[in-house]
Amino acid sequence: MRKITIKKNLLDKSEKLFIFIGLLGLFPFFIGLLDLLINKNNLFFIVHLPKYYGSIILTFLGAIYWGYILSLARKSFVPEQIKFCIIIWSVIPSILAIIILTMKSNFSLLLLSMGFLLCQLVDEICNKFLLFPSWYLTLRRTLTLFVILILIYSYFIMQTP
């Protein structure tokens, strides 16, 4: 008879570290938002922090797919056509980020928030093929919600005189 062991901790140390670092990644967004709220006309940070940091993170979200496809075993069950689409997708967020960074309009914040929403939708769809760890999508949904809310709120702050 097999002995069944019950795992007390549902997450291992590396998974907890991913979650911790992911949550820490929200701080620059919050700091940038506070800077906008407190110092709107005389920003402490030379750049609009939510926009620039958000563009970096958006690029990172695409790069995750590049790395994921590279790490797949040759005999993976992911169809070649899906792999091709994922490779193409992996660079789209960085292209979008470049466009956002070149825009002087505050509309770039809304475009950035749409980029994060698009990344989340791709995560949801690709999970069927790539089978992300169970905690990953929960973390991404939470982080994406906060980031989108901060970006939209930042947009409206920048619109008021």
N, C-alpha and C. Protein backbone atom coordinates (compact mmCIF):
# COMPACT_ATOMS: atom_id res chain seq x y z
N MET A 1 0.84 -1.18 0.00
CA MET A 1 0.00 0.00 0.00
C MET A 1 0.89 1.24 0.00
N ARG A 2 0.53 2.21 -0.83
CA ARG A 2 1.29 3.45 -0.92
C ARG A 2 0.98 4.37 0.25
N LYS A 3 2.02 5.01 0.70
CA LYS A 3 1.84 5.98 1.76
C LYS A 3 1.56 7.35 1.13
N ILE A 4 0.48 7.95 1.53
CA ILE A 4 0.10 9.26 1.00
C ILE A 4 0.58 10.33 1.97
N THR A 5 1.33 11.27 1.43
CA THR A 5 1.81 12.37 2.27
C THR A 5 1.03 13.63 1.93
N ILE A 6 0.73 14.37 2.94
CA ILE A 6 0.01 15.62 2.75
C ILE A 6 1.02 16.75 2.84
N LYS A 7 1.04 17.55 1.81
CA LYS A 7 1.96 18.66 1.75
C LYS A 7 1.41 19.79 2.61
N LYS A 8 2.14 20.14 3.68
CA LYS A 8 1.66 21.19 4.58
C LYS A 8 1.69 22.55 3.91
N ASN A 9 2.80 22.88 3.28
CA ASN A 9 2.90 24.14 2.56
C ASN A 9 2.53 23.89 1.11
N LEU A 10 1.55 24.62 0.62
CA LEU A 10 1.12 24.43 -0.75
C LEU A 10 2.14 25.01 -1.74
N LEU A 11 2.95 25.94 -1.28
CA LEU A 11 3.94 26.56 -2.14
C LEU A 11 5.33 26.28 -1.62
N ASP A 12 6.27 26.05 -2.53
CA ASP A 12 7.64 25.86 -2.07
C ASP A 12 8.32 27.23 -1.94
N LYS A 13 9.57 27.25 -1.50
CA LYS A 13 10.27 28.51 -1.23
C LYS A 13 10.42 29.37 -2.48
N SER A 14 10.75 28.77 -3.60
CA SER A 14 10.93 29.57 -4.82
C SER A 14 9.60 30.18 -5.28
N GLU A 15 8.51 29.45 -5.14
CA GLU A 15 7.20 30.00 -5.51
C GLU A 15 6.83 31.17 -4.60
N LYS A 16 7.12 31.02 -3.31
CA LYS A 16 6.86 32.13 -2.38
C LYS A 16 7.71 33.34 -2.72
N LEU A 17 8.95 33.10 -3.16
CA LEU A 17 9.83 34.20 -3.55
C LEU A 17 9.29 34.90 -4.79
N PHE A 18 8.81 34.14 -5.77
CA PHE A 18 8.20 34.75 -6.96
C PHE A 18 7.04 35.66 -6.54
N ILE A 19 6.19 35.18 -5.67
CA ILE A 19 5.03 35.95 -5.22
C ILE A 19 5.48 37.20 -4.48
N PHE A 20 6.45 37.06 -3.58
CA PHE A 20 6.95 38.18 -2.80
C PHE A 20 7.54 39.26 -3.72
N ILE A 21 8.37 38.85 -4.66
CA ILE A 21 8.99 39.81 -5.57
C ILE A 21 7.93 40.45 -6.48
N GLY A 22 6.95 39.65 -6.90
CA GLY A 22 5.86 40.20 -7.70
C GLY A 22 5.11 41.29 -6.96
N LEU A 23 4.82 41.05 -5.68
CA LEU A 23 4.12 42.06 -4.88
C LEU A 23 5.00 43.28 -4.64
N LEU A 24 6.29 43.06 -4.43
CA LEU A 24 7.21 44.19 -4.28
C LEU A 24 7.25 45.04 -5.55
N GLY A 25 7.03 44.40 -6.68
CA GLY A 25 7.03 45.10 -7.95
C GLY A 25 5.93 46.13 -8.08
N LEU A 26 4.95 46.09 -7.18
CA LEU A 26 3.89 47.10 -7.20
C LEU A 26 4.35 48.42 -6.60
N PHE A 27 5.39 48.40 -5.74
CA PHE A 27 5.81 49.61 -5.05
C PHE A 27 6.18 50.77 -5.97
N PRO A 28 6.93 50.56 -7.05
CA PRO A 28 7.20 51.71 -7.93
C PRO A 28 5.92 52.33 -8.51
N PHE A 29 4.93 51.51 -8.76
CA PHE A 29 3.65 52.05 -9.24
C PHE A 29 3.01 52.92 -8.17
N PHE A 30 2.98 52.42 -6.93
CA PHE A 30 2.40 53.19 -5.83
C PHE A 30 3.20 54.46 -5.56
N ILE A 31 4.52 54.38 -5.59
CA ILE A 31 5.37 55.55 -5.34
C ILE A 31 5.14 56.59 -6.44
N GLY A 32 5.07 56.13 -7.67
CA GLY A 32 4.80 57.05 -8.78
C GLY A 32 3.43 57.70 -8.65
N LEU A 33 2.44 56.94 -8.22
CA LEU A 33 1.10 57.49 -8.01
C LEU A 33 1.12 58.53 -6.89
N LEU A 34 1.81 58.22 -5.80
CA LEU A 34 1.92 59.19 -4.70
C LEU A 34 2.62 60.46 -5.17
N ASP A 35 3.66 60.31 -5.97
CA ASP A 35 4.36 61.48 -6.51
C ASP A 35 3.41 62.33 -7.34
N LEU A 36 2.57 61.70 -8.13
CA LEU A 36 1.59 62.44 -8.93
C LEU A 36 0.57 63.15 -8.03
N LEU A 37 0.13 62.46 -6.99
CA LEU A 37 -0.86 63.05 -6.09
C LEU A 37 -0.30 64.23 -5.30
N ILE A 38 0.92 64.10 -4.84
CA ILE A 38 1.52 65.12 -3.97
C ILE A 38 2.20 66.23 -4.76
N ASN A 39 2.92 65.86 -5.80
CA ASN A 39 3.78 66.81 -6.52
C ASN A 39 3.42 66.93 -8.00
N LYS A 40 2.16 66.91 -8.33
CA LYS A 40 1.75 66.82 -9.73
C LYS A 40 2.48 67.81 -10.65
N ASN A 41 2.60 69.05 -10.25
CA ASN A 41 3.21 70.06 -11.11
C ASN A 41 4.72 70.15 -10.94
N ASN A 42 5.25 69.52 -9.91
CA ASN A 42 6.68 69.56 -9.66
C ASN A 42 7.12 68.17 -9.19
N LEU A 43 7.07 67.21 -10.11
CA LEU A 43 7.31 65.82 -9.76
C LEU A 43 8.70 65.62 -9.15
N PHE A 44 8.74 64.83 -8.10
CA PHE A 44 10.01 64.47 -7.47
C PHE A 44 10.86 63.64 -8.43
N PHE A 45 10.20 62.72 -9.10
CA PHE A 45 10.90 61.91 -10.10
C PHE A 45 10.89 62.66 -11.42
N ILE A 46 12.01 62.70 -12.08
CA ILE A 46 12.13 63.43 -13.34
C ILE A 46 11.16 62.86 -14.38
N VAL A 47 10.97 61.55 -14.35
CA VAL A 47 10.09 60.89 -15.31
C VAL A 47 8.76 60.56 -14.63
N HIS A 48 7.79 60.28 -15.46
CA HIS A 48 6.50 59.85 -14.96
C HIS A 48 6.63 58.36 -14.62
N LEU A 49 6.91 58.07 -13.39
CA LEU A 49 7.30 56.73 -12.95
C LEU A 49 6.33 55.61 -13.36
N PRO A 50 5.01 55.76 -13.16
CA PRO A 50 4.12 54.65 -13.57
C PRO A 50 4.24 54.31 -15.06
N LYS A 51 4.43 55.33 -15.90
CA LYS A 51 4.54 55.10 -17.34
C LYS A 51 5.84 54.38 -17.69
N TYR A 52 6.95 54.85 -17.17
CA TYR A 52 8.24 54.27 -17.53
C TYR A 52 8.44 52.89 -16.89
N TYR A 53 8.13 52.78 -15.62
CA TYR A 53 8.26 51.48 -14.96
C TYR A 53 7.27 50.48 -15.55
N GLY A 54 6.05 50.94 -15.82
CA GLY A 54 5.04 50.07 -16.43
C GLY A 54 5.47 49.55 -17.79
N SER A 55 6.16 50.38 -18.56
CA SER A 55 6.65 49.95 -19.87
C SER A 55 7.71 48.87 -19.73
N ILE A 56 8.56 49.01 -18.72
CA ILE A 56 9.57 47.97 -18.47
C ILE A 56 8.89 46.66 -18.09
N ILE A 57 7.92 46.73 -17.21
CA ILE A 57 7.22 45.51 -16.77
C ILE A 57 6.43 44.89 -17.91
N LEU A 58 5.82 45.72 -18.75
CA LEU A 58 5.10 45.20 -19.92
C LEU A 58 6.04 44.40 -20.81
N THR A 59 7.23 44.93 -21.03
CA THR A 59 8.24 44.22 -21.82
C THR A 59 8.60 42.89 -21.16
N PHE A 60 8.75 42.91 -19.86
CA PHE A 60 9.07 41.70 -19.09
C PHE A 60 7.98 40.64 -19.28
N LEU A 61 6.73 41.06 -19.29
CA LEU A 61 5.63 40.10 -19.43
C LEU A 61 5.68 39.38 -20.77
N GLY A 62 6.12 40.06 -21.81
CA GLY A 62 6.31 39.39 -23.09
C GLY A 62 7.50 38.46 -23.06
N ALA A 63 8.57 38.91 -22.41
CA ALA A 63 9.80 38.11 -22.36
C ALA A 63 9.60 36.79 -21.62
N ILE A 64 8.63 36.75 -20.72
CA ILE A 64 8.33 35.50 -20.01
C ILE A 64 8.02 34.40 -21.02
N TYR A 65 7.28 34.76 -22.06
CA TYR A 65 6.90 33.76 -23.07
C TYR A 65 8.09 33.32 -23.91
N TRP A 66 8.98 34.24 -24.19
CA TRP A 66 10.20 33.90 -24.93
C TRP A 66 10.97 32.84 -24.15
N GLY A 67 11.15 33.09 -22.86
CA GLY A 67 11.87 32.13 -22.01
C GLY A 67 11.12 30.82 -21.86
N TYR A 68 9.83 30.89 -21.76
CA TYR A 68 9.03 29.68 -21.58
C TYR A 68 9.16 28.76 -22.79
N ILE A 69 9.06 29.34 -23.98
CA ILE A 69 9.18 28.54 -25.20
C ILE A 69 10.59 27.96 -25.31
N LEU A 70 11.60 28.74 -24.96
CA LEU A 70 12.97 28.23 -25.00
C LEU A 70 13.18 27.05 -24.05
N SER A 71 12.47 27.06 -22.95
CA SER A 71 12.67 26.01 -21.95
C SER A 71 11.83 24.76 -22.20
N LEU A 72 10.91 24.81 -23.15
CA LEU A 72 10.08 23.64 -23.44
C LEU A 72 10.94 22.52 -24.02
N ALA A 73 10.64 21.33 -23.62
CA ALA A 73 11.33 20.17 -24.19
C ALA A 73 10.92 20.00 -25.66
N ARG A 74 11.81 19.45 -26.45
CA ARG A 74 11.52 19.25 -27.87
C ARG A 74 10.25 18.45 -28.09
N LYS A 75 9.98 17.50 -27.24
CA LYS A 75 8.82 16.63 -27.43
C LYS A 75 7.61 17.15 -26.65
N SER A 76 7.52 18.43 -26.56
CA SER A 76 6.41 19.06 -25.86
C SER A 76 5.10 18.79 -26.61
N PHE A 77 4.02 18.84 -25.88
CA PHE A 77 2.71 18.61 -26.46
C PHE A 77 2.09 19.89 -27.02
N VAL A 78 2.85 20.98 -26.98
CA VAL A 78 2.36 22.24 -27.54
C VAL A 78 2.54 22.19 -29.06
N PRO A 79 1.46 22.36 -29.81
CA PRO A 79 1.56 22.33 -31.28
C PRO A 79 2.51 23.41 -31.81
N GLU A 80 3.18 23.12 -32.92
CA GLU A 80 4.15 24.06 -33.50
C GLU A 80 3.52 25.40 -33.85
N GLN A 81 2.29 25.39 -34.32
CA GLN A 81 1.61 26.63 -34.68
C GLN A 81 1.41 27.51 -33.43
N ILE A 82 1.09 26.88 -32.31
CA ILE A 82 0.92 27.62 -31.05
C ILE A 82 2.27 28.17 -30.60
N LYS A 83 3.33 27.36 -30.71
CA LYS A 83 4.66 27.84 -30.35
C LYS A 83 5.04 29.07 -31.18
N PHE A 84 4.75 29.01 -32.47
CA PHE A 84 5.04 30.13 -33.36
C PHE A 84 4.32 31.39 -32.89
N CYS A 85 3.03 31.25 -32.59
CA CYS A 85 2.24 32.40 -32.13
C CYS A 85 2.78 32.95 -30.82
N ILE A 86 3.20 32.08 -29.92
CA ILE A 86 3.73 32.52 -28.64
C ILE A 86 5.05 33.27 -28.82
N ILE A 87 5.89 32.79 -29.74
CA ILE A 87 7.15 33.50 -30.01
C ILE A 87 6.86 34.89 -30.56
N ILE A 88 5.94 35.00 -31.49
CA ILE A 88 5.56 36.31 -32.03
C ILE A 88 5.00 37.18 -30.91
N TRP A 89 4.12 36.61 -30.09
CA TRP A 89 3.54 37.38 -28.99
C TRP A 89 4.62 37.90 -28.03
N SER A 90 5.66 37.13 -27.83
CA SER A 90 6.67 37.49 -26.81
C SER A 90 7.34 38.83 -27.08
N VAL A 91 7.33 39.31 -28.32
CA VAL A 91 7.94 40.61 -28.61
C VAL A 91 6.92 41.74 -28.75
N ILE A 92 5.66 41.41 -28.85
CA ILE A 92 4.63 42.44 -29.02
C ILE A 92 4.56 43.41 -27.82
N PRO A 93 4.60 42.93 -26.58
CA PRO A 93 4.57 43.90 -25.47
C PRO A 93 5.74 44.89 -25.50
N SER A 94 6.92 44.46 -25.93
CA SER A 94 8.04 45.40 -25.97
C SER A 94 7.85 46.43 -27.09
N ILE A 95 7.27 46.03 -28.20
CA ILE A 95 6.96 46.98 -29.27
C ILE A 95 5.93 47.99 -28.79
N LEU A 96 4.91 47.50 -28.10
CA LEU A 96 3.90 48.38 -27.53
C LEU A 96 4.52 49.34 -26.52
N ALA A 97 5.43 48.84 -25.70
CA ALA A 97 6.11 49.69 -24.71
C ALA A 97 6.91 50.80 -25.37
N ILE A 98 7.58 50.49 -26.47
CA ILE A 98 8.35 51.52 -27.19
C ILE A 98 7.41 52.61 -27.71
N ILE A 99 6.29 52.19 -28.26
CA ILE A 99 5.30 53.16 -28.77
C ILE A 99 4.81 54.04 -27.62
N ILE A 100 4.50 53.42 -26.49
CA ILE A 100 4.01 54.17 -25.33
C ILE A 100 5.06 55.17 -24.85
N LEU A 101 6.31 54.77 -24.81
CA LEU A 101 7.36 55.66 -24.33
C LEU A 101 7.62 56.83 -25.27
N THR A 102 7.29 56.67 -26.54
CA THR A 102 7.49 57.78 -27.48
C THR A 102 6.33 58.76 -27.47
N MET A 103 5.22 58.40 -26.85
CA MET A 103 4.05 59.27 -26.81
C MET A 103 4.20 60.31 -25.70
N LYS A 104 3.88 61.56 -26.04
CA LYS A 104 3.93 62.62 -25.04
C LYS A 104 2.56 62.81 -24.38
N SER A 105 1.54 62.26 -24.98
CA SER A 105 0.18 62.40 -24.48
C SER A 105 -0.05 61.54 -23.24
N ASN A 106 -0.92 62.03 -22.37
CA ASN A 106 -1.30 61.23 -21.20
C ASN A 106 -2.10 60.00 -21.58
N PHE A 107 -2.60 59.99 -22.81
CA PHE A 107 -3.32 58.82 -23.32
C PHE A 107 -2.43 57.57 -23.26
N SER A 108 -1.13 57.78 -23.26
CA SER A 108 -0.19 56.65 -23.20
C SER A 108 -0.44 55.80 -21.95
N LEU A 109 -0.93 56.42 -20.87
CA LEU A 109 -1.24 55.65 -19.66
C LEU A 109 -2.40 54.70 -19.89
N LEU A 110 -3.39 55.14 -20.64
CA LEU A 110 -4.53 54.26 -20.96
C LEU A 110 -4.08 53.15 -21.91
N LEU A 111 -3.23 53.50 -22.85
CA LEU A 111 -2.71 52.49 -23.77
C LEU A 111 -1.88 51.46 -23.01
N LEU A 112 -1.11 51.91 -22.06
CA LEU A 112 -0.31 51.01 -21.22
C LEU A 112 -1.23 50.09 -20.41
N SER A 113 -2.29 50.63 -19.84
CA SER A 113 -3.21 49.80 -19.08
C SER A 113 -3.88 48.76 -19.98
N MET A 114 -4.17 49.14 -21.23
CA MET A 114 -4.73 48.18 -22.18
C MET A 114 -3.70 47.09 -22.51
N GLY A 115 -2.43 47.48 -22.56
CA GLY A 115 -1.37 46.50 -22.79
C GLY A 115 -1.31 45.47 -21.68
N PHE A 116 -1.47 45.92 -20.44
CA PHE A 116 -1.48 44.99 -19.31
C PHE A 116 -2.70 44.08 -19.36
N LEU A 117 -3.83 44.64 -19.74
CA LEU A 117 -5.04 43.82 -19.88
C LEU A 117 -4.86 42.78 -20.99
N LEU A 118 -4.27 43.19 -22.10
CA LEU A 118 -4.01 42.27 -23.20
C LEU A 118 -3.08 41.14 -22.75
N CYS A 119 -2.05 41.49 -22.01
CA CYS A 119 -1.12 40.46 -21.49
C CYS A 119 -1.86 39.47 -20.59
N GLN A 120 -2.77 39.98 -19.79
CA GLN A 120 -3.53 39.10 -18.91
C GLN A 120 -4.41 38.16 -19.73
N LEU A 121 -5.04 38.68 -20.76
CA LEU A 121 -5.88 37.83 -21.62
C LEU A 121 -5.04 36.75 -22.30
N VAL A 122 -3.86 37.12 -22.76
CA VAL A 122 -2.97 36.13 -23.38
C VAL A 122 -2.56 35.08 -22.36
N ASP A 123 -2.27 35.51 -21.13
CA ASP A 123 -1.94 34.55 -20.06
C ASP A 123 -3.06 33.54 -19.87
N GLU A 124 -4.28 34.03 -19.84
CA GLU A 124 -5.44 33.15 -19.62
C GLU A 124 -5.57 32.15 -20.77
N ILE A 125 -5.38 32.62 -21.99
CA ILE A 125 -5.50 31.74 -23.16
C ILE A 125 -4.34 30.74 -23.21
N CYS A 126 -3.12 31.24 -23.00
CA CYS A 126 -1.93 30.38 -23.12
C CYS A 126 -1.83 29.35 -22.00
N ASN A 127 -2.51 29.60 -20.91
CA ASN A 127 -2.48 28.64 -19.81
C ASN A 127 -3.01 27.27 -20.26
N LYS A 128 -3.89 27.26 -21.23
CA LYS A 128 -4.43 26.00 -21.75
C LYS A 128 -3.34 25.16 -22.42
N PHE A 129 -2.32 25.85 -22.96
CA PHE A 129 -1.26 25.14 -23.67
C PHE A 129 0.01 24.98 -22.83
N LEU A 130 0.31 26.00 -22.03
CA LEU A 130 1.57 26.00 -21.30
C LEU A 130 1.45 25.51 -19.86
N LEU A 131 0.24 25.47 -19.35
CA LEU A 131 -0.02 24.98 -17.99
C LEU A 131 0.88 25.65 -16.96
N PHE A 132 0.64 26.93 -16.76
CA PHE A 132 1.38 27.67 -15.74
C PHE A 132 1.11 27.07 -14.38
N PRO A 133 2.01 27.29 -13.42
CA PRO A 133 1.73 26.83 -12.05
C PRO A 133 0.43 27.46 -11.54
N SER A 134 -0.29 26.77 -10.70
CA SER A 134 -1.61 27.23 -10.25
C SER A 134 -1.55 28.60 -9.59
N TRP A 135 -0.50 28.92 -8.87
CA TRP A 135 -0.39 30.20 -8.18
C TRP A 135 -0.11 31.35 -9.14
N TYR A 136 0.45 31.06 -10.31
CA TYR A 136 0.91 32.11 -11.23
C TYR A 136 -0.24 32.99 -11.72
N LEU A 137 -1.30 32.36 -12.22
CA LEU A 137 -2.40 33.16 -12.75
C LEU A 137 -3.09 33.97 -11.67
N THR A 138 -3.19 33.43 -10.48
CA THR A 138 -3.77 34.19 -9.37
C THR A 138 -2.93 35.42 -9.08
N LEU A 139 -1.61 35.24 -9.03
CA LEU A 139 -0.71 36.37 -8.81
C LEU A 139 -0.83 37.38 -9.94
N ARG A 140 -0.81 36.91 -11.18
CA ARG A 140 -0.88 37.83 -12.33
C ARG A 140 -2.19 38.60 -12.34
N ARG A 141 -3.30 37.93 -12.03
CA ARG A 141 -4.59 38.62 -12.00
C ARG A 141 -4.58 39.74 -10.96
N THR A 142 -4.04 39.44 -9.79
CA THR A 142 -3.99 40.43 -8.71
C THR A 142 -3.10 41.61 -9.08
N LEU A 143 -1.90 41.32 -9.55
CA LEU A 143 -0.97 42.38 -9.93
C LEU A 143 -1.53 43.22 -11.08
N THR A 144 -2.10 42.55 -12.07
CA THR A 144 -2.66 43.26 -13.22
C THR A 144 -3.79 44.19 -12.78
N LEU A 145 -4.64 43.74 -11.90
CA LEU A 145 -5.74 44.58 -11.42
C LEU A 145 -5.19 45.86 -10.78
N PHE A 146 -4.23 45.72 -9.87
CA PHE A 146 -3.65 46.88 -9.21
C PHE A 146 -2.96 47.82 -10.20
N VAL A 147 -2.20 47.25 -11.12
CA VAL A 147 -1.46 48.06 -12.09
C VAL A 147 -2.43 48.84 -12.98
N ILE A 148 -3.46 48.18 -13.48
CA ILE A 148 -4.43 48.86 -14.35
C ILE A 148 -5.14 49.97 -13.58
N LEU A 149 -5.54 49.70 -12.35
CA LEU A 149 -6.20 50.74 -11.56
C LEU A 149 -5.28 51.93 -11.32
N ILE A 150 -4.03 51.68 -11.00
CA ILE A 150 -3.07 52.77 -10.77
C ILE A 150 -2.85 53.58 -12.05
N LEU A 151 -2.71 52.89 -13.18
CA LEU A 151 -2.48 53.59 -14.45
C LEU A 151 -3.68 54.44 -14.85
N ILE A 152 -4.87 53.90 -14.69
CA ILE A 152 -6.07 54.67 -15.03
C ILE A 152 -6.24 55.86 -14.08
N TYR A 153 -6.00 55.64 -12.80
CA TYR A 153 -6.09 56.73 -11.83
C TYR A 153 -5.03 57.80 -12.13
N SER A 154 -3.83 57.37 -12.50
CA SER A 154 -2.77 58.31 -12.87
C SER A 154 -3.19 59.14 -14.08
N TYR A 155 -3.84 58.50 -15.03
CA TYR A 155 -4.33 59.22 -16.21
C TYR A 155 -5.28 60.34 -15.80
N PHE A 156 -6.22 60.03 -14.93
CA PHE A 156 -7.19 61.05 -14.52
C PHE A 156 -6.55 62.13 -13.67
N ILE A 157 -5.56 61.81 -12.90
CA ILE A 157 -4.83 62.83 -12.13
C ILE A 157 -4.15 63.80 -13.10
N MET A 158 -3.55 63.25 -14.14
CA MET A 158 -2.83 64.08 -15.10
C MET A 158 -3.80 64.95 -15.93
N GLN A 159 -5.07 64.56 -16.02
CA GLN A 159 -6.06 65.31 -16.79
C GLN A 159 -6.57 66.53 -16.04
N THR A 160 -6.55 66.49 -14.73
CA THR A 160 -7.10 67.60 -13.95
C THR A 160 -6.07 68.73 -13.88
N PRO A 161 -6.55 69.98 -13.97
CA PRO A 161 -5.62 71.12 -13.95
C PRO A 161 -5.00 71.36 -12.59
